[in-house]
Amino acid sequence: MKDRELLQALFGAAVKAADPLTGIRKHLPSPPRNGRTIVIGAGKGAAQMAAALESVWPEPLTGVVVTRYGYGCETKSIEILEASHPVPDAAGLAGAKRLVETVSGLSENDLVIALVCGGGSALLPAPPEGLTLQDEIALNETLLASGAPISAMNVVRKHLSTIKGGRLAAATKARVVSLIVSDIPGDNPAFVASGPTIPDATTRQDALAI
């Protein structure tokens, strides 16, 4: 095989592997027996993930995902919201609130499918009591300028958020299944988008040390 053919083959394989439909089709959870299926999500590729899920899910579903401005796509029943990345804005704040509202009234019979990928940290600002959106914007700008690795940045973000570090999953009684596309070295799911549906093993002291 010539060099150009080899490179084209490698490129094609990489694109195919990164296609949301490829991964989602392989990892579909079992539909709920007596409940609803609700989709939530965040990330630069979340809209494409939502469209892929709709194309293969066998039962009705609804939900909402948040993606970057200009990264939306057409979906059937999942609402697509757009917000700012890499620095949060008011649209992201509203989007984070919508995700919590979407899952908070569900029961144990329902299923939540969380579609999570890179960019979700900035797209879901949710400052705790005592802090404001402007504080979270300033935090993100400082982290982006620091040169710190993304895993370290997300440790800090998780401890200054009401939605990251597994808190989104904790807001519902429903079964939560996370389908995650990793952009993090080592592929630790707790660090992708600051792990809104993944339990957090880091501490406040870890965040302070960073």
N, C-alpha and C. Protein backbone atom coordinates (compact mmCIF):
# COMPACT_ATOMS: atom_id res chain seq x y z
N MET A 1 0.84 -1.19 0.00
CA MET A 1 0.00 0.00 0.00
C MET A 1 0.88 1.25 0.00
N LYS A 2 0.55 2.18 -0.87
CA LYS A 2 1.30 3.41 -0.94
C LYS A 2 1.02 4.27 0.29
N ASP A 3 1.96 5.21 0.54
CA ASP A 3 1.83 6.07 1.72
C ASP A 3 0.50 6.82 1.72
N ARG A 4 0.12 7.39 0.58
CA ARG A 4 -1.12 8.16 0.52
C ARG A 4 -2.34 7.27 0.80
N GLU A 5 -2.34 6.06 0.24
CA GLU A 5 -3.44 5.14 0.46
C GLU A 5 -3.53 4.73 1.93
N LEU A 6 -2.36 4.53 2.53
CA LEU A 6 -2.33 4.16 3.95
C LEU A 6 -2.91 5.29 4.80
N LEU A 7 -2.48 6.52 4.53
CA LEU A 7 -2.98 7.65 5.30
C LEU A 7 -4.49 7.83 5.11
N GLN A 8 -4.96 7.64 3.88
CA GLN A 8 -6.40 7.75 3.63
C GLN A 8 -7.18 6.67 4.37
N ALA A 9 -6.61 5.46 4.41
CA ALA A 9 -7.27 4.37 5.12
C ALA A 9 -7.31 4.64 6.62
N LEU A 10 -6.21 5.16 7.16
CA LEU A 10 -6.17 5.50 8.58
C LEU A 10 -7.17 6.61 8.91
N PHE A 11 -7.24 7.61 8.04
CA PHE A 11 -8.19 8.71 8.25
C PHE A 11 -9.62 8.18 8.23
N GLY A 12 -9.93 7.34 7.25
CA GLY A 12 -11.28 6.78 7.15
C GLY A 12 -11.65 5.96 8.37
N ALA A 13 -10.71 5.18 8.87
CA ALA A 13 -10.97 4.36 10.06
C ALA A 13 -11.21 5.23 11.28
N ALA A 14 -10.45 6.32 11.40
CA ALA A 14 -10.61 7.22 12.54
C ALA A 14 -11.96 7.92 12.50
N VAL A 15 -12.36 8.37 11.32
CA VAL A 15 -13.66 9.04 11.19
C VAL A 15 -14.80 8.09 11.51
N LYS A 16 -14.70 6.86 11.02
CA LYS A 16 -15.74 5.86 11.29
C LYS A 16 -15.84 5.56 12.77
N ALA A 17 -14.69 5.44 13.42
CA ALA A 17 -14.68 5.14 14.86
C ALA A 17 -15.28 6.27 15.67
N ALA A 18 -15.12 7.51 15.19
CA ALA A 18 -15.61 8.68 15.91
C ALA A 18 -17.07 9.00 15.61
N ASP A 19 -17.66 8.29 14.64
CA ASP A 19 -19.07 8.51 14.30
C ASP A 19 -19.92 8.13 15.51
N PRO A 20 -20.75 9.05 16.04
CA PRO A 20 -21.56 8.73 17.21
C PRO A 20 -22.42 7.49 17.03
N LEU A 21 -22.93 7.30 15.82
CA LEU A 21 -23.79 6.14 15.59
C LEU A 21 -23.07 4.83 15.82
N THR A 22 -21.77 4.78 15.49
CA THR A 22 -20.99 3.55 15.66
C THR A 22 -20.96 3.10 17.11
N GLY A 23 -20.64 4.03 18.00
CA GLY A 23 -20.55 3.69 19.41
C GLY A 23 -21.90 3.51 20.07
N ILE A 24 -22.85 4.38 19.74
CA ILE A 24 -24.16 4.31 20.39
C ILE A 24 -24.87 3.00 20.06
N ARG A 25 -24.80 2.58 18.82
CA ARG A 25 -25.46 1.34 18.41
C ARG A 25 -24.92 0.15 19.22
N LYS A 26 -23.63 0.17 19.56
CA LYS A 26 -23.01 -0.94 20.29
C LYS A 26 -23.35 -0.96 21.77
N HIS A 27 -23.77 0.18 22.30
CA HIS A 27 -23.92 0.30 23.75
C HIS A 27 -25.30 0.76 24.19
N LEU A 28 -26.34 0.41 23.44
CA LEU A 28 -27.69 0.80 23.82
C LEU A 28 -28.13 0.08 25.09
N PRO A 29 -28.68 0.81 26.04
CA PRO A 29 -29.22 0.16 27.24
C PRO A 29 -30.57 -0.49 26.93
N SER A 30 -31.05 -1.28 27.86
CA SER A 30 -32.38 -1.87 27.70
C SER A 30 -33.45 -0.82 27.96
N PRO A 31 -34.47 -0.73 27.12
CA PRO A 31 -35.55 0.23 27.35
C PRO A 31 -36.27 -0.08 28.66
N PRO A 32 -36.86 0.93 29.29
CA PRO A 32 -37.60 0.67 30.53
C PRO A 32 -38.87 -0.12 30.25
N ARG A 33 -39.27 -0.97 31.18
CA ARG A 33 -40.47 -1.79 30.98
C ARG A 33 -41.75 -0.98 31.16
N ASN A 34 -41.77 -0.14 32.17
CA ASN A 34 -43.01 0.57 32.50
C ASN A 34 -42.85 2.08 32.56
N GLY A 35 -41.69 2.59 32.17
CA GLY A 35 -41.45 4.02 32.30
C GLY A 35 -41.11 4.68 30.99
N ARG A 36 -40.69 5.92 31.12
CA ARG A 36 -40.32 6.73 29.95
C ARG A 36 -38.82 6.72 29.74
N THR A 37 -38.42 7.07 28.53
CA THR A 37 -37.00 7.27 28.22
C THR A 37 -36.77 8.75 27.99
N ILE A 38 -35.89 9.33 28.79
CA ILE A 38 -35.59 10.75 28.73
C ILE A 38 -34.11 10.92 28.40
N VAL A 39 -33.81 11.78 27.45
CA VAL A 39 -32.43 12.01 27.02
C VAL A 39 -31.96 13.38 27.51
N ILE A 40 -30.79 13.42 28.09
CA ILE A 40 -30.14 14.67 28.44
C ILE A 40 -28.72 14.60 27.89
N GLY A 41 -28.05 15.74 27.81
CA GLY A 41 -26.68 15.68 27.35
C GLY A 41 -26.05 17.03 27.19
N ALA A 42 -24.74 17.00 27.00
CA ALA A 42 -23.99 18.23 26.80
C ALA A 42 -22.66 17.92 26.15
N GLY A 43 -22.23 18.84 25.29
CA GLY A 43 -20.94 18.70 24.62
C GLY A 43 -21.01 19.20 23.20
N LYS A 44 -19.86 19.37 22.61
CA LYS A 44 -19.80 19.89 21.24
C LYS A 44 -20.41 18.92 20.24
N GLY A 45 -20.41 17.64 20.55
CA GLY A 45 -21.00 16.64 19.66
C GLY A 45 -22.33 16.10 20.17
N ALA A 46 -22.92 16.73 21.16
CA ALA A 46 -24.12 16.18 21.80
C ALA A 46 -25.32 16.14 20.86
N ALA A 47 -25.44 17.13 19.97
CA ALA A 47 -26.58 17.13 19.04
C ALA A 47 -26.48 15.96 18.07
N GLN A 48 -25.28 15.71 17.56
CA GLN A 48 -25.09 14.59 16.64
C GLN A 48 -25.31 13.25 17.36
N MET A 49 -24.92 13.18 18.62
CA MET A 49 -25.18 11.98 19.41
C MET A 49 -26.68 11.77 19.59
N ALA A 50 -27.40 12.87 19.83
CA ALA A 50 -28.85 12.78 20.00
C ALA A 50 -29.53 12.29 18.73
N ALA A 51 -29.11 12.82 17.59
CA ALA A 51 -29.69 12.40 16.31
C ALA A 51 -29.40 10.92 16.05
N ALA A 52 -28.19 10.48 16.39
CA ALA A 52 -27.84 9.07 16.21
C ALA A 52 -28.68 8.18 17.11
N LEU A 53 -28.87 8.59 18.35
CA LEU A 53 -29.68 7.79 19.27
C LEU A 53 -31.12 7.67 18.77
N GLU A 54 -31.67 8.78 18.31
CA GLU A 54 -33.04 8.75 17.78
C GLU A 54 -33.19 7.75 16.64
N SER A 55 -32.16 7.61 15.83
CA SER A 55 -32.25 6.76 14.65
C SER A 55 -32.25 5.27 14.98
N VAL A 56 -31.81 4.90 16.19
CA VAL A 56 -31.72 3.48 16.54
C VAL A 56 -32.55 3.09 17.76
N TRP A 57 -33.09 4.05 18.49
CA TRP A 57 -33.86 3.72 19.69
C TRP A 57 -35.23 3.19 19.29
N PRO A 58 -35.66 2.05 19.84
CA PRO A 58 -36.87 1.40 19.36
C PRO A 58 -38.17 1.95 19.90
N GLU A 59 -38.12 2.83 20.89
CA GLU A 59 -39.33 3.32 21.55
C GLU A 59 -39.34 4.85 21.58
N PRO A 60 -40.50 5.45 21.94
CA PRO A 60 -40.55 6.91 22.04
C PRO A 60 -39.57 7.45 23.08
N LEU A 61 -39.02 8.61 22.80
CA LEU A 61 -38.16 9.28 23.77
C LEU A 61 -38.27 10.78 23.58
N THR A 62 -37.94 11.51 24.62
CA THR A 62 -37.88 12.97 24.58
C THR A 62 -36.67 13.41 25.37
N GLY A 63 -36.37 14.70 25.35
CA GLY A 63 -35.27 15.20 26.14
C GLY A 63 -34.68 16.48 25.61
N VAL A 64 -33.54 16.84 26.17
CA VAL A 64 -32.88 18.08 25.79
C VAL A 64 -31.38 17.93 25.96
N VAL A 65 -30.61 18.43 25.00
CA VAL A 65 -29.16 18.43 25.11
C VAL A 65 -28.65 19.84 24.79
N VAL A 66 -27.48 20.14 25.31
CA VAL A 66 -26.86 21.46 25.13
C VAL A 66 -25.57 21.30 24.34
N THR A 67 -25.43 22.07 23.27
CA THR A 67 -24.23 22.02 22.46
C THR A 67 -23.72 23.43 22.18
N ARG A 68 -22.62 23.52 21.52
CA ARG A 68 -22.00 24.81 21.22
C ARG A 68 -22.77 25.52 20.10
N TYR A 69 -22.72 26.85 20.13
CA TYR A 69 -23.34 27.63 19.05
C TYR A 69 -22.83 27.14 17.70
N GLY A 70 -23.78 26.89 16.78
CA GLY A 70 -23.43 26.47 15.45
C GLY A 70 -23.19 24.98 15.30
N TYR A 71 -23.30 24.21 16.39
CA TYR A 71 -23.03 22.78 16.35
C TYR A 71 -24.31 21.95 16.42
N GLY A 72 -25.46 22.59 16.36
CA GLY A 72 -26.72 21.87 16.41
C GLY A 72 -26.99 21.14 15.11
N CYS A 73 -27.97 20.25 15.14
CA CYS A 73 -28.40 19.53 13.95
C CYS A 73 -29.88 19.19 14.11
N GLU A 74 -30.47 18.70 13.06
CA GLU A 74 -31.90 18.39 13.09
C GLU A 74 -32.15 17.11 13.89
N THR A 75 -33.12 17.18 14.79
CA THR A 75 -33.54 16.02 15.57
C THR A 75 -35.07 15.94 15.55
N LYS A 76 -35.59 14.78 15.91
CA LYS A 76 -37.04 14.56 15.84
C LYS A 76 -37.75 14.97 17.12
N SER A 77 -37.30 14.47 18.24
CA SER A 77 -38.02 14.70 19.49
C SER A 77 -37.14 15.20 20.62
N ILE A 78 -35.83 15.24 20.42
CA ILE A 78 -34.90 15.75 21.42
C ILE A 78 -34.62 17.21 21.11
N GLU A 79 -34.85 18.07 22.07
CA GLU A 79 -34.62 19.51 21.88
C GLU A 79 -33.13 19.83 21.96
N ILE A 80 -32.68 20.65 21.04
CA ILE A 80 -31.28 21.06 21.01
C ILE A 80 -31.16 22.52 21.45
N LEU A 81 -30.40 22.75 22.50
CA LEU A 81 -30.09 24.11 22.96
C LEU A 81 -28.64 24.42 22.64
N GLU A 82 -28.35 25.68 22.33
CA GLU A 82 -26.98 26.07 22.02
C GLU A 82 -26.50 27.12 23.02
N ALA A 83 -25.23 27.03 23.37
CA ALA A 83 -24.63 27.94 24.35
C ALA A 83 -23.17 28.18 23.99
N SER A 84 -22.49 28.96 24.82
CA SER A 84 -21.13 29.39 24.51
C SER A 84 -20.09 28.38 24.99
N HIS A 85 -19.04 28.28 24.19
CA HIS A 85 -17.87 27.46 24.50
C HIS A 85 -16.65 28.13 23.86
N PRO A 86 -15.51 28.27 24.55
CA PRO A 86 -15.12 27.63 25.81
C PRO A 86 -15.43 28.43 27.06
N VAL A 87 -15.97 29.65 26.91
CA VAL A 87 -16.33 30.46 28.07
C VAL A 87 -17.85 30.45 28.22
N PRO A 88 -18.37 30.13 29.39
CA PRO A 88 -19.82 30.00 29.58
C PRO A 88 -20.57 31.31 29.35
N ASP A 89 -21.89 31.18 29.15
CA ASP A 89 -22.74 32.37 29.05
C ASP A 89 -24.10 32.06 29.66
N ALA A 90 -25.02 33.04 29.57
CA ALA A 90 -26.34 32.90 30.19
C ALA A 90 -27.15 31.78 29.55
N ALA A 91 -26.94 31.53 28.26
CA ALA A 91 -27.66 30.45 27.60
C ALA A 91 -27.26 29.10 28.19
N GLY A 92 -25.99 28.93 28.51
CA GLY A 92 -25.54 27.70 29.15
C GLY A 92 -26.11 27.55 30.55
N LEU A 93 -26.21 28.67 31.27
CA LEU A 93 -26.80 28.65 32.61
C LEU A 93 -28.25 28.17 32.53
N ALA A 94 -28.99 28.70 31.55
CA ALA A 94 -30.38 28.28 31.36
C ALA A 94 -30.45 26.83 30.92
N GLY A 95 -29.50 26.40 30.08
CA GLY A 95 -29.47 25.01 29.63
C GLY A 95 -29.23 24.05 30.78
N ALA A 96 -28.30 24.38 31.66
CA ALA A 96 -28.02 23.53 32.82
C ALA A 96 -29.26 23.40 33.70
N LYS A 97 -29.96 24.49 33.88
CA LYS A 97 -31.20 24.46 34.67
C LYS A 97 -32.23 23.56 34.02
N ARG A 98 -32.35 23.63 32.69
CA ARG A 98 -33.30 22.79 31.96
C ARG A 98 -32.99 21.31 32.14
N LEU A 99 -31.71 20.94 32.12
CA LEU A 99 -31.35 19.54 32.30
C LEU A 99 -31.77 19.03 33.67
N VAL A 100 -31.53 19.83 34.70
CA VAL A 100 -31.92 19.43 36.05
C VAL A 100 -33.43 19.31 36.14
N GLU A 101 -34.15 20.28 35.59
CA GLU A 101 -35.62 20.22 35.61
C GLU A 101 -36.15 19.01 34.85
N THR A 102 -35.48 18.64 33.78
CA THR A 102 -35.92 17.52 32.95
C THR A 102 -35.87 16.20 33.68
N VAL A 103 -34.89 16.02 34.57
CA VAL A 103 -34.74 14.72 35.24
C VAL A 103 -35.29 14.70 36.66
N SER A 104 -35.55 15.86 37.25
CA SER A 104 -35.84 15.90 38.68
C SER A 104 -37.17 15.27 39.05
N GLY A 105 -38.14 15.22 38.13
CA GLY A 105 -39.44 14.67 38.47
C GLY A 105 -39.65 13.23 38.04
N LEU A 106 -38.61 12.54 37.63
CA LEU A 106 -38.74 11.18 37.13
C LEU A 106 -38.78 10.16 38.27
N SER A 107 -39.23 8.94 37.95
CA SER A 107 -39.34 7.88 38.95
C SER A 107 -38.34 6.77 38.67
N GLU A 108 -38.34 5.77 39.55
CA GLU A 108 -37.45 4.63 39.40
C GLU A 108 -37.76 3.81 38.16
N ASN A 109 -38.97 3.96 37.62
CA ASN A 109 -39.36 3.21 36.43
C ASN A 109 -38.82 3.82 35.14
N ASP A 110 -38.35 5.06 35.22
CA ASP A 110 -37.90 5.77 34.02
C ASP A 110 -36.43 5.52 33.75
N LEU A 111 -36.04 5.80 32.52
CA LEU A 111 -34.64 5.68 32.10
C LEU A 111 -34.14 7.02 31.59
N VAL A 112 -33.00 7.44 32.09
CA VAL A 112 -32.32 8.64 31.59
C VAL A 112 -31.08 8.19 30.82
N ILE A 113 -31.00 8.59 29.57
CA ILE A 113 -29.79 8.35 28.78
C ILE A 113 -29.04 9.67 28.68
N ALA A 114 -27.85 9.70 29.24
CA ALA A 114 -27.04 10.92 29.24
C ALA A 114 -26.00 10.83 28.12
N LEU A 115 -26.05 11.78 27.20
CA LEU A 115 -25.10 11.85 26.09
C LEU A 115 -24.07 12.92 26.42
N VAL A 116 -22.85 12.49 26.67
CA VAL A 116 -21.83 13.40 27.20
C VAL A 116 -20.58 13.33 26.34
N CYS A 117 -20.03 14.49 26.00
CA CYS A 117 -18.78 14.54 25.25
C CYS A 117 -18.04 15.83 25.57
N GLY A 118 -16.89 16.01 24.95
CA GLY A 118 -16.04 17.15 25.25
C GLY A 118 -16.74 18.49 25.04
N GLY A 119 -16.44 19.42 25.91
CA GLY A 119 -17.05 20.75 25.83
C GLY A 119 -18.16 20.97 26.83
N GLY A 120 -18.63 19.89 27.44
CA GLY A 120 -19.74 20.00 28.35
C GLY A 120 -19.46 20.84 29.60
N SER A 121 -18.21 20.91 30.01
CA SER A 121 -17.88 21.69 31.21
C SER A 121 -18.25 23.16 31.03
N ALA A 122 -17.86 23.73 29.91
CA ALA A 122 -18.16 25.14 29.65
C ALA A 122 -19.62 25.36 29.31
N LEU A 123 -20.25 24.36 28.70
CA LEU A 123 -21.63 24.50 28.25
C LEU A 123 -22.64 24.40 29.37
N LEU A 124 -22.22 23.94 30.56
CA LEU A 124 -23.15 23.76 31.68
C LEU A 124 -22.70 24.52 32.92
N PRO A 125 -22.66 25.84 32.85
CA PRO A 125 -22.34 26.59 34.06
C PRO A 125 -23.48 26.47 35.07
N ALA A 126 -23.14 26.22 36.31
CA ALA A 126 -24.15 26.08 37.36
C ALA A 126 -23.51 26.42 38.70
N PRO A 127 -23.21 27.70 38.91
CA PRO A 127 -22.51 28.10 40.13
C PRO A 127 -23.32 27.83 41.38
N PRO A 128 -22.67 27.41 42.47
CA PRO A 128 -23.38 27.17 43.73
C PRO A 128 -23.75 28.49 44.40
N GLU A 129 -24.52 28.37 45.46
CA GLU A 129 -24.96 29.56 46.20
C GLU A 129 -23.75 30.36 46.66
N GLY A 130 -23.81 31.65 46.44
CA GLY A 130 -22.71 32.52 46.82
C GLY A 130 -21.83 32.92 45.66
N LEU A 131 -21.96 32.22 44.55
CA LEU A 131 -21.22 32.55 43.33
C LEU A 131 -22.20 32.89 42.22
N THR A 132 -21.71 33.59 41.21
CA THR A 132 -22.55 34.03 40.09
C THR A 132 -22.01 33.47 38.78
N LEU A 133 -22.78 33.69 37.72
CA LEU A 133 -22.31 33.30 36.39
C LEU A 133 -21.01 34.02 36.06
N GLN A 134 -20.91 35.28 36.44
CA GLN A 134 -19.67 36.03 36.16
C GLN A 134 -18.48 35.41 36.88
N ASP A 135 -18.71 34.89 38.08
CA ASP A 135 -17.63 34.19 38.79
C ASP A 135 -17.19 32.95 38.02
N GLU A 136 -18.16 32.20 37.48
CA GLU A 136 -17.81 30.99 36.74
C GLU A 136 -17.12 31.34 35.43
N ILE A 137 -17.54 32.42 34.80
CA ILE A 137 -16.85 32.88 33.59
C ILE A 137 -15.39 33.22 33.92
N ALA A 138 -15.19 33.97 35.00
CA ALA A 138 -13.83 34.34 35.40
C ALA A 138 -12.99 33.11 35.73
N LEU A 139 -13.60 32.12 36.39
CA LEU A 139 -12.90 30.88 36.70
C LEU A 139 -12.45 30.18 35.43
N ASN A 140 -13.35 30.06 34.45
CA ASN A 140 -13.00 29.38 33.21
C ASN A 140 -11.92 30.12 32.45
N GLU A 141 -11.99 31.43 32.43
CA GLU A 141 -10.96 32.20 31.74
C GLU A 141 -9.60 32.00 32.40
N THR A 142 -9.59 31.95 33.73
CA THR A 142 -8.34 31.74 34.46
C THR A 142 -7.78 30.34 34.19
N LEU A 143 -8.65 29.34 34.22
CA LEU A 143 -8.21 27.97 33.97
C LEU A 143 -7.68 27.81 32.55
N LEU A 144 -8.37 28.39 31.57
CA LEU A 144 -7.94 28.28 30.18
C LEU A 144 -6.58 28.93 29.96
N ALA A 145 -6.32 30.01 30.69
CA ALA A 145 -5.05 30.72 30.53
C ALA A 145 -3.92 30.09 31.34
N SER A 146 -4.25 29.14 32.21
CA SER A 146 -3.24 28.60 33.14
C SER A 146 -2.32 27.58 32.50
N GLY A 147 -2.79 26.94 31.44
CA GLY A 147 -2.00 25.87 30.84
C GLY A 147 -2.14 24.53 31.55
N ALA A 148 -3.04 24.45 32.52
CA ALA A 148 -3.25 23.20 33.25
C ALA A 148 -3.89 22.16 32.36
N PRO A 149 -3.61 20.87 32.57
CA PRO A 149 -4.27 19.82 31.78
C PRO A 149 -5.76 19.80 32.05
N ILE A 150 -6.54 19.30 31.09
CA ILE A 150 -7.99 19.36 31.19
C ILE A 150 -8.50 18.60 32.41
N SER A 151 -7.84 17.50 32.78
CA SER A 151 -8.29 16.74 33.95
C SER A 151 -8.17 17.57 35.22
N ALA A 152 -7.10 18.35 35.35
CA ALA A 152 -6.93 19.21 36.51
C ALA A 152 -7.94 20.35 36.50
N MET A 153 -8.16 20.94 35.33
CA MET A 153 -9.16 22.00 35.21
C MET A 153 -10.53 21.51 35.65
N ASN A 154 -10.87 20.29 35.27
CA ASN A 154 -12.20 19.78 35.57
C ASN A 154 -12.37 19.39 37.03
N VAL A 155 -11.28 19.09 37.72
CA VAL A 155 -11.37 18.89 39.17
C VAL A 155 -11.85 20.17 39.83
N VAL A 156 -11.28 21.29 39.45
CA VAL A 156 -11.68 22.58 40.01
C VAL A 156 -13.13 22.89 39.63
N ARG A 157 -13.47 22.69 38.36
CA ARG A 157 -14.83 22.98 37.91
C ARG A 157 -15.88 22.18 38.67
N LYS A 158 -15.57 20.91 38.95
CA LYS A 158 -16.54 20.05 39.63
C LYS A 158 -16.86 20.54 41.04
N HIS A 159 -15.89 21.15 41.69
CA HIS A 159 -16.12 21.59 43.07
C HIS A 159 -16.68 23.00 43.16
N LEU A 160 -16.95 23.59 42.01
CA LEU A 160 -17.60 24.91 41.98
C LEU A 160 -18.81 24.83 41.06
N SER A 161 -19.62 23.78 41.26
CA SER A 161 -20.77 23.54 40.38
C SER A 161 -21.85 22.76 41.11
N THR A 162 -23.10 23.00 40.75
CA THR A 162 -24.21 22.24 41.29
C THR A 162 -24.67 21.15 40.33
N ILE A 163 -23.97 20.97 39.20
CA ILE A 163 -24.38 19.98 38.21
C ILE A 163 -23.27 19.00 37.85
N LYS A 164 -22.03 19.42 37.97
CA LYS A 164 -20.89 18.57 37.60
C LYS A 164 -20.57 17.60 38.73
N GLY A 165 -19.62 16.70 38.48
CA GLY A 165 -19.20 15.76 39.52
C GLY A 165 -20.31 14.81 39.97
N GLY A 166 -21.19 14.40 39.04
CA GLY A 166 -22.24 13.46 39.36
C GLY A 166 -23.51 14.06 39.91
N ARG A 167 -23.53 15.37 40.09
CA ARG A 167 -24.70 16.00 40.72
C ARG A 167 -25.94 15.99 39.82
N LEU A 168 -25.75 15.96 38.50
CA LEU A 168 -26.90 15.87 37.61
C LEU A 168 -27.60 14.53 37.77
N ALA A 169 -26.84 13.45 37.83
CA ALA A 169 -27.43 12.14 38.05
C ALA A 169 -28.09 12.04 39.42
N ALA A 170 -27.51 12.71 40.40
CA ALA A 170 -28.06 12.67 41.76
C ALA A 170 -29.39 13.41 41.86
N ALA A 171 -29.74 14.19 40.85
CA ALA A 171 -30.97 14.97 40.87
C ALA A 171 -32.19 14.16 40.45
N THR A 172 -32.01 12.89 40.11
CA THR A 172 -33.13 12.08 39.63
C THR A 172 -33.18 10.73 40.34
N LYS A 173 -34.39 10.17 40.40
CA LYS A 173 -34.59 8.82 40.93
C LYS A 173 -34.50 7.78 39.82
N ALA A 174 -34.48 8.22 38.58
CA ALA A 174 -34.49 7.30 37.44
C ALA A 174 -33.15 6.59 37.30
N ARG A 175 -33.18 5.46 36.57
CA ARG A 175 -31.93 4.80 36.20
C ARG A 175 -31.21 5.67 35.17
N VAL A 176 -29.93 5.89 35.37
CA VAL A 176 -29.14 6.75 34.49
C VAL A 176 -28.08 5.91 33.79
N VAL A 177 -28.08 5.95 32.47
CA VAL A 177 -27.05 5.30 31.66
C VAL A 177 -26.32 6.38 30.87
N SER A 178 -25.02 6.46 31.03
CA SER A 178 -24.23 7.50 30.37
C SER A 178 -23.51 6.92 29.16
N LEU A 179 -23.70 7.55 28.01
CA LEU A 179 -22.97 7.22 26.79
C LEU A 179 -21.99 8.36 26.56
N ILE A 180 -20.71 8.09 26.71
CA ILE A 180 -19.69 9.13 26.79
C ILE A 180 -18.67 8.98 25.68
N VAL A 181 -18.42 10.06 24.96
CA VAL A 181 -17.34 10.12 23.98
C VAL A 181 -16.20 10.89 24.64
N SER A 182 -15.09 10.23 24.86
CA SER A 182 -13.99 10.83 25.63
C SER A 182 -13.05 11.66 24.77
N ASP A 183 -12.69 12.81 25.29
CA ASP A 183 -11.61 13.62 24.71
C ASP A 183 -10.52 13.85 25.76
N ILE A 184 -10.50 12.99 26.78
CA ILE A 184 -9.59 13.13 27.91
C ILE A 184 -8.50 12.06 27.83
N PRO A 185 -7.23 12.42 27.92
CA PRO A 185 -6.18 11.40 27.98
C PRO A 185 -6.44 10.42 29.12
N GLY A 186 -6.40 9.14 28.82
CA GLY A 186 -6.71 8.12 29.81
C GLY A 186 -8.16 7.70 29.84
N ASP A 187 -9.03 8.51 29.24
CA ASP A 187 -10.46 8.18 29.08
C ASP A 187 -11.20 7.95 30.39
N ASN A 188 -10.83 8.64 31.44
CA ASN A 188 -11.59 8.55 32.69
C ASN A 188 -12.93 9.26 32.50
N PRO A 189 -14.05 8.54 32.56
CA PRO A 189 -15.34 9.17 32.28
C PRO A 189 -15.71 10.26 33.27
N ALA A 190 -15.13 10.23 34.45
CA ALA A 190 -15.44 11.25 35.46
C ALA A 190 -14.90 12.62 35.08
N PHE A 191 -13.95 12.66 34.13
CA PHE A 191 -13.37 13.94 33.74
C PHE A 191 -13.96 14.49 32.45
N VAL A 192 -14.66 13.67 31.67
CA VAL A 192 -15.26 14.16 30.42
C VAL A 192 -16.42 15.08 30.76
N ALA A 193 -16.35 16.33 30.30
CA ALA A 193 -17.37 17.34 30.61
C ALA A 193 -17.55 17.53 32.11
N SER A 194 -16.50 17.24 32.87
CA SER A 194 -16.52 17.31 34.34
C SER A 194 -17.51 16.34 34.96
N GLY A 195 -17.84 15.27 34.24
CA GLY A 195 -18.61 14.16 34.80
C GLY A 195 -19.94 14.51 35.42
N PRO A 196 -20.88 15.12 34.70
CA PRO A 196 -22.16 15.49 35.32
C PRO A 196 -22.97 14.29 35.80
N THR A 197 -22.73 13.10 35.24
CA THR A 197 -23.48 11.92 35.66
C THR A 197 -22.59 10.83 36.24
N ILE A 198 -21.34 11.16 36.53
CA ILE A 198 -20.38 10.18 37.04
C ILE A 198 -19.92 10.57 38.46
N PRO A 199 -19.98 9.66 39.43
CA PRO A 199 -19.55 10.00 40.79
C PRO A 199 -18.13 10.56 40.81
N ASP A 200 -17.92 11.52 41.69
CA ASP A 200 -16.63 12.22 41.76
C ASP A 200 -15.79 11.70 42.91
N ALA A 201 -14.57 11.27 42.61
CA ALA A 201 -13.68 10.75 43.64
C ALA A 201 -12.70 11.80 44.15
N THR A 202 -12.73 13.01 43.57
CA THR A 202 -11.80 14.05 44.01
C THR A 202 -12.38 14.82 45.20
N THR A 203 -11.51 15.56 45.86
CA THR A 203 -11.92 16.29 47.07
C THR A 203 -11.74 17.79 46.86
N ARG A 204 -12.32 18.54 47.77
CA ARG A 204 -12.13 20.00 47.73
C ARG A 204 -10.66 20.36 47.90
N GLN A 205 -9.97 19.55 48.72
CA GLN A 205 -8.54 19.81 48.90
C GLN A 205 -7.77 19.61 47.62
N ASP A 206 -8.19 18.62 46.82
CA ASP A 206 -7.57 18.44 45.50
C ASP A 206 -7.75 19.69 44.65
N ALA A 207 -8.97 20.22 44.66
CA ALA A 207 -9.25 21.42 43.88
C ALA A 207 -8.44 22.61 44.35
N LEU A 208 -8.33 22.77 45.66
CA LEU A 208 -7.56 23.88 46.22
C LEU A 208 -6.09 23.75 45.87
N ALA A 209 -5.58 22.52 45.89
CA ALA A 209 -4.16 22.31 45.56
C ALA A 209 -3.89 22.68 44.11
N ILE A 210 -4.81 22.37 43.21
CA ILE A 210 -4.64 22.73 41.80
C ILE A 210 -4.70 24.23 41.63
